[in-house]
Amino acid sequence: MQQSFVVQNSGMGVCRRARGREAEETARRFLEARGYVVLEQNFCCRAGELDLVVQKDNLICFVEVRMRSRSKVCFPLQTITLKKQRRIVLAAMKFLQRHSCAGRALRFDVVSILGQGRSAHIEYLPGAFDAGF
């Protein structure tokens, strides 16, 4: 019984990653349609990962993408804890150390996707949280 649980769990992980990639691509297309330019997708460092780093005019946005297939338990935005926010901020600081972004305004945004495919509901929250300094 325990063995079948492990098999199911590993399969769900693959499926989860695929859904995550799909959500990030949906968010990317959504932001590009609104005039944002994607600077980087899936920026990884020791501190964490940034789903999307986008720019519009003189503004750089660090975008967290959250997706849920349904809202039975909670909405996607409710899954961004203070701990997760801190990891995003630390990853953003590392991104800024590696890239020349002097003189630009910074913002932390969230794209929330509820559902999948064409029936998905997308909500964009500019300035969803701050760096806490």
C-alpha atoms as a PDB file:
ATOM      1  CA  MET A   1       0.000   0.000   0.000  1.00  0.00           C
ATOM      2  CA  GLN A   2       2.759   2.414   0.917  1.00  0.00           C
ATOM      3  CA  GLN A   3       4.566   1.597  -2.339  1.00  0.00           C
ATOM      4  CA  SER A   4       1.566   2.604  -4.482  1.00  0.00           C
ATOM      5  CA  PHE A   5       1.405   5.902  -2.588  1.00  0.00           C
ATOM      6  CA  VAL A   6       4.985   6.657  -3.586  1.00  0.00           C
ATOM      7  CA  VAL A   7       4.187   5.914  -7.237  1.00  0.00           C
ATOM      8  CA  GLN A   8       1.138   8.169  -7.165  1.00  0.00           C
ATOM      9  CA  ASN A   9       3.079  10.938  -5.470  1.00  0.00           C
ATOM     10  CA  SER A  10       5.887  10.937  -8.044  1.00  0.00           C
ATOM     11  CA  GLY A  11       3.347  11.032 -10.872  1.00  0.00           C
ATOM     12  CA  MET A  12       1.569  13.958  -9.286  1.00  0.00           C
ATOM     13  CA  GLY A  13       4.887  15.801  -9.008  1.00  0.00           C
ATOM     14  CA  VAL A  14       5.435  15.548 -12.752  1.00  0.00           C
ATOM     15  CA  CYS A  15       1.863  16.641 -13.405  1.00  0.00           C
ATOM     16  CA  ARG A  16       2.237  19.512 -10.941  1.00  0.00           C
ATOM     17  CA  ARG A  17       5.384  20.756 -12.661  1.00  0.00           C
ATOM     18  CA  ALA A  18       3.648  20.617 -16.028  1.00  0.00           C
ATOM     19  CA  ARG A  19       0.697  22.603 -14.665  1.00  0.00           C
ATOM     20  CA  GLY A  20       3.144  25.075 -13.142  1.00  0.00           C
ATOM     21  CA  ARG A  21       4.878  25.583 -16.476  1.00  0.00           C
ATOM     22  CA  GLU A  22       1.498  26.008 -18.167  1.00  0.00           C
ATOM     23  CA  ALA A  23       0.495  28.615 -15.568  1.00  0.00           C
ATOM     24  CA  GLU A  24       3.756  30.522 -16.042  1.00  0.00           C
ATOM     25  CA  GLU A  25       3.283  30.546 -19.818  1.00  0.00           C
ATOM     26  CA  THR A  26      -0.296  31.768 -19.387  1.00  0.00           C
ATOM     27  CA  ALA A  27       0.923  34.547 -17.086  1.00  0.00           C
ATOM     28  CA  ARG A  28       3.704  35.425 -19.511  1.00  0.00           C
ATOM     29  CA  ARG A  29       1.283  35.794 -22.433  1.00  0.00           C
ATOM     30  CA  PHE A  30      -1.117  37.780 -20.220  1.00  0.00           C
ATOM     31  CA  LEU A  31       1.611  40.268 -19.228  1.00  0.00           C
ATOM     32  CA  GLU A  32       3.094  40.554 -22.724  1.00  0.00           C
ATOM     33  CA  ALA A  33      -0.376  41.394 -24.063  1.00  0.00           C
ATOM     34  CA  ARG A  34      -0.404  44.301 -21.583  1.00  0.00           C
ATOM     35  CA  GLY A  35       2.906  45.717 -22.775  1.00  0.00           C
ATOM     36  CA  TYR A  36       5.335  44.066 -20.356  1.00  0.00           C
ATOM     37  CA  VAL A  37       8.638  42.728 -21.655  1.00  0.00           C
ATOM     38  CA  VAL A  38       9.873  39.510 -20.082  1.00  0.00           C
ATOM     39  CA  LEU A  39      13.461  39.910 -18.886  1.00  0.00           C
ATOM     40  CA  GLU A  40      13.745  36.463 -17.364  1.00  0.00           C
ATOM     41  CA  GLN A  41      11.624  33.425 -16.595  1.00  0.00           C
ATOM     42  CA  ASN A  42      12.393  30.999 -13.770  1.00  0.00           C
ATOM     43  CA  PHE A  43      15.385  32.864 -12.365  1.00  0.00           C
ATOM     44  CA  CYS A  44      16.924  30.511  -9.795  1.00  0.00           C
ATOM     45  CA  CYS A  45      19.419  31.158  -7.050  1.00  0.00           C
ATOM     46  CA  ARG A  46      20.171  29.792  -3.601  1.00  0.00           C
ATOM     47  CA  ALA A  47      17.596  32.126  -2.023  1.00  0.00           C
ATOM     48  CA  GLY A  48      14.739  30.928  -4.220  1.00  0.00           C
ATOM     49  CA  GLU A  49      13.122  31.303  -7.608  1.00  0.00           C
ATOM     50  CA  LEU A  50      11.444  34.142  -9.465  1.00  0.00           C
ATOM     51  CA  ASP A  51       8.720  32.922 -11.814  1.00  0.00           C
ATOM     52  CA  LEU A  52       8.866  35.993 -14.060  1.00  0.00           C
ATOM     53  CA  VAL A  53      10.865  39.201 -14.121  1.00  0.00           C
ATOM     54  CA  VAL A  54       9.184  41.721 -16.403  1.00  0.00           C
ATOM     55  CA  GLN A  55       9.693  45.335 -17.364  1.00  0.00           C
ATOM     56  CA  LYS A  56       7.371  48.080 -18.499  1.00  0.00           C
ATOM     57  CA  ASP A  57       8.866  51.489 -19.122  1.00  0.00           C
ATOM     58  CA  ASN A  58      11.118  52.241 -16.120  1.00  0.00           C
ATOM     59  CA  LEU A  59       9.492  49.636 -13.844  1.00  0.00           C
ATOM     60  CA  ILE A  60      10.809  46.147 -13.075  1.00  0.00           C
ATOM     61  CA  CYS A  61       8.295  43.688 -11.640  1.00  0.00           C
ATOM     62  CA  PHE A  62       9.086  40.437  -9.908  1.00  0.00           C
ATOM     63  CA  VAL A  63       6.044  38.288 -10.593  1.00  0.00           C
ATOM     64  CA  GLU A  64       4.940  35.268  -8.591  1.00  0.00           C
ATOM     65  CA  VAL A  65       2.556  33.017 -10.498  1.00  0.00           C
ATOM     66  CA  ARG A  66       0.044  31.016  -8.469  1.00  0.00           C
ATOM     67  CA  MET A  67      -2.385  28.497  -9.899  1.00  0.00           C
ATOM     68  CA  ARG A  68      -5.145  26.329  -8.533  1.00  0.00           C
ATOM     69  CA  SER A  69      -7.368  24.059 -10.573  1.00  0.00           C
ATOM     70  CA  ARG A  70     -10.288  24.912  -8.287  1.00  0.00           C
ATOM     71  CA  SER A  71     -10.874  27.051  -5.190  1.00  0.00           C
ATOM     72  CA  LYS A  72     -12.181  24.342  -2.858  1.00  0.00           C
ATOM     73  CA  VAL A  73      -9.476  24.770  -0.242  1.00  0.00           C
ATOM     74  CA  CYS A  74      -8.173  28.285  -0.919  1.00  0.00           C
ATOM     75  CA  PHE A  75      -7.593  30.796  -3.656  1.00  0.00           C
ATOM     76  CA  PRO A  76      -4.137  30.941  -5.275  1.00  0.00           C
ATOM     77  CA  LEU A  77      -3.259  34.259  -3.631  1.00  0.00           C
ATOM     78  CA  GLN A  78      -3.849  32.798  -0.186  1.00  0.00           C
ATOM     79  CA  THR A  79      -0.941  30.414  -0.719  1.00  0.00           C
ATOM     80  CA  ILE A  80       1.727  33.150  -0.671  1.00  0.00           C
ATOM     81  CA  THR A  81       2.927  33.108   2.920  1.00  0.00           C
ATOM     82  CA  LEU A  82       5.253  35.641   4.534  1.00  0.00           C
ATOM     83  CA  LYS A  83       8.010  33.036   4.263  1.00  0.00           C
ATOM     84  CA  LYS A  84       7.393  32.719   0.508  1.00  0.00           C
ATOM     85  CA  GLN A  85       7.366  36.523   0.146  1.00  0.00           C
ATOM     86  CA  ARG A  86      10.720  36.711   1.920  1.00  0.00           C
ATOM     87  CA  ARG A  87      12.220  34.098  -0.434  1.00  0.00           C
ATOM     88  CA  ILE A  88      10.943  36.063  -3.441  1.00  0.00           C
ATOM     89  CA  VAL A  89      12.445  39.287  -2.076  1.00  0.00           C
ATOM     90  CA  LEU A  90      15.812  37.585  -1.434  1.00  0.00           C
ATOM     91  CA  ALA A  91      15.807  36.110  -4.949  1.00  0.00           C
ATOM     92  CA  ALA A  92      14.950  39.557  -6.339  1.00  0.00           C
ATOM     93  CA  MET A  93      17.920  41.046  -4.473  1.00  0.00           C
ATOM     94  CA  LYS A  94      20.184  38.419  -6.042  1.00  0.00           C
ATOM     95  CA  PHE A  95      18.702  39.189  -9.483  1.00  0.00           C
ATOM     96  CA  LEU A  96      19.450  42.891  -8.949  1.00  0.00           C
ATOM     97  CA  GLN A  97      23.053  42.081  -7.961  1.00  0.00           C
ATOM     98  CA  ARG A  98      23.557  40.171 -11.213  1.00  0.00           C
ATOM     99  CA  HIS A  99      21.799  42.626 -13.551  1.00  0.00           C
ATOM    100  CA  SER A 100      22.125  46.345 -14.121  1.00  0.00           C
ATOM    101  CA  CYS A 101      18.820  47.808 -12.971  1.00  0.00           C
ATOM    102  CA  ALA A 102      19.964  51.112 -11.473  1.00  0.00           C
ATOM    103  CA  GLY A 103      17.438  53.917 -11.514  1.00  0.00           C
ATOM    104  CA  ARG A 104      14.428  51.706 -12.093  1.00  0.00           C
ATOM    105  CA  ALA A 105      11.420  51.354  -9.853  1.00  0.00           C
ATOM    106  CA  LEU A 106      10.756  47.889  -8.434  1.00  0.00           C
ATOM    107  CA  ARG A 107       7.520  46.103  -7.615  1.00  0.00           C
ATOM    108  CA  PHE A 108       6.360  42.679  -6.441  1.00  0.00           C
ATOM    109  CA  ASP A 109       3.315  41.435  -8.333  1.00  0.00           C
ATOM    110  CA  VAL A 110       1.203  38.299  -8.347  1.00  0.00           C
ATOM    111  CA  VAL A 111      -0.642  36.635 -11.201  1.00  0.00           C
ATOM    112  CA  SER A 112      -3.324  34.334  -9.839  1.00  0.00           C
ATOM    113  CA  ILE A 113      -4.806  31.705 -12.146  1.00  0.00           C
ATOM    114  CA  LEU A 114      -7.879  29.772 -11.122  1.00  0.00           C
ATOM    115  CA  GLY A 115      -8.772  26.896 -13.435  1.00  0.00           C
ATOM    116  CA  GLN A 116      -7.053  25.668 -16.574  1.00  0.00           C
ATOM    117  CA  GLY A 117      -7.135  26.256 -20.292  1.00  0.00           C
ATOM    118  CA  ARG A 118      -9.459  28.744 -21.917  1.00  0.00           C
ATOM    119  CA  SER A 119     -11.836  28.794 -18.964  1.00  0.00           C
ATOM    120  CA  ALA A 120      -9.103  29.910 -16.521  1.00  0.00           C
ATOM    121  CA  HIS A 121      -9.742  33.090 -14.564  1.00  0.00           C
ATOM    122  CA  ILE A 122      -6.649  35.325 -14.403  1.00  0.00           C
ATOM    123  CA  GLU A 123      -6.252  37.989 -11.750  1.00  0.00           C
ATOM    124  CA  TYR A 124      -3.308  40.387 -11.773  1.00  0.00           C
ATOM    125  CA  LEU A 125      -2.285  42.136  -8.575  1.00  0.00           C
ATOM    126  CA  PRO A 126       0.390  44.795  -9.125  1.00  0.00           C
ATOM    127  CA  GLY A 127       2.165  45.621  -5.859  1.00  0.00           C
ATOM    128  CA  ALA A 128       0.714  42.566  -4.108  1.00  0.00           C
ATOM    129  CA  PHE A 129       3.365  42.812  -1.406  1.00  0.00           C
ATOM    130  CA  ASP A 130       6.461  44.859  -0.643  1.00  0.00           C
ATOM    131  CA  ALA A 131      10.036  44.088   0.275  1.00  0.00           C
ATOM    132  CA  GLY A 132       9.352  44.808   3.937  1.00  0.00           C
ATOM    133  CA  PHE A 133      12.304  47.130   4.492  1.00  0.00           C
END
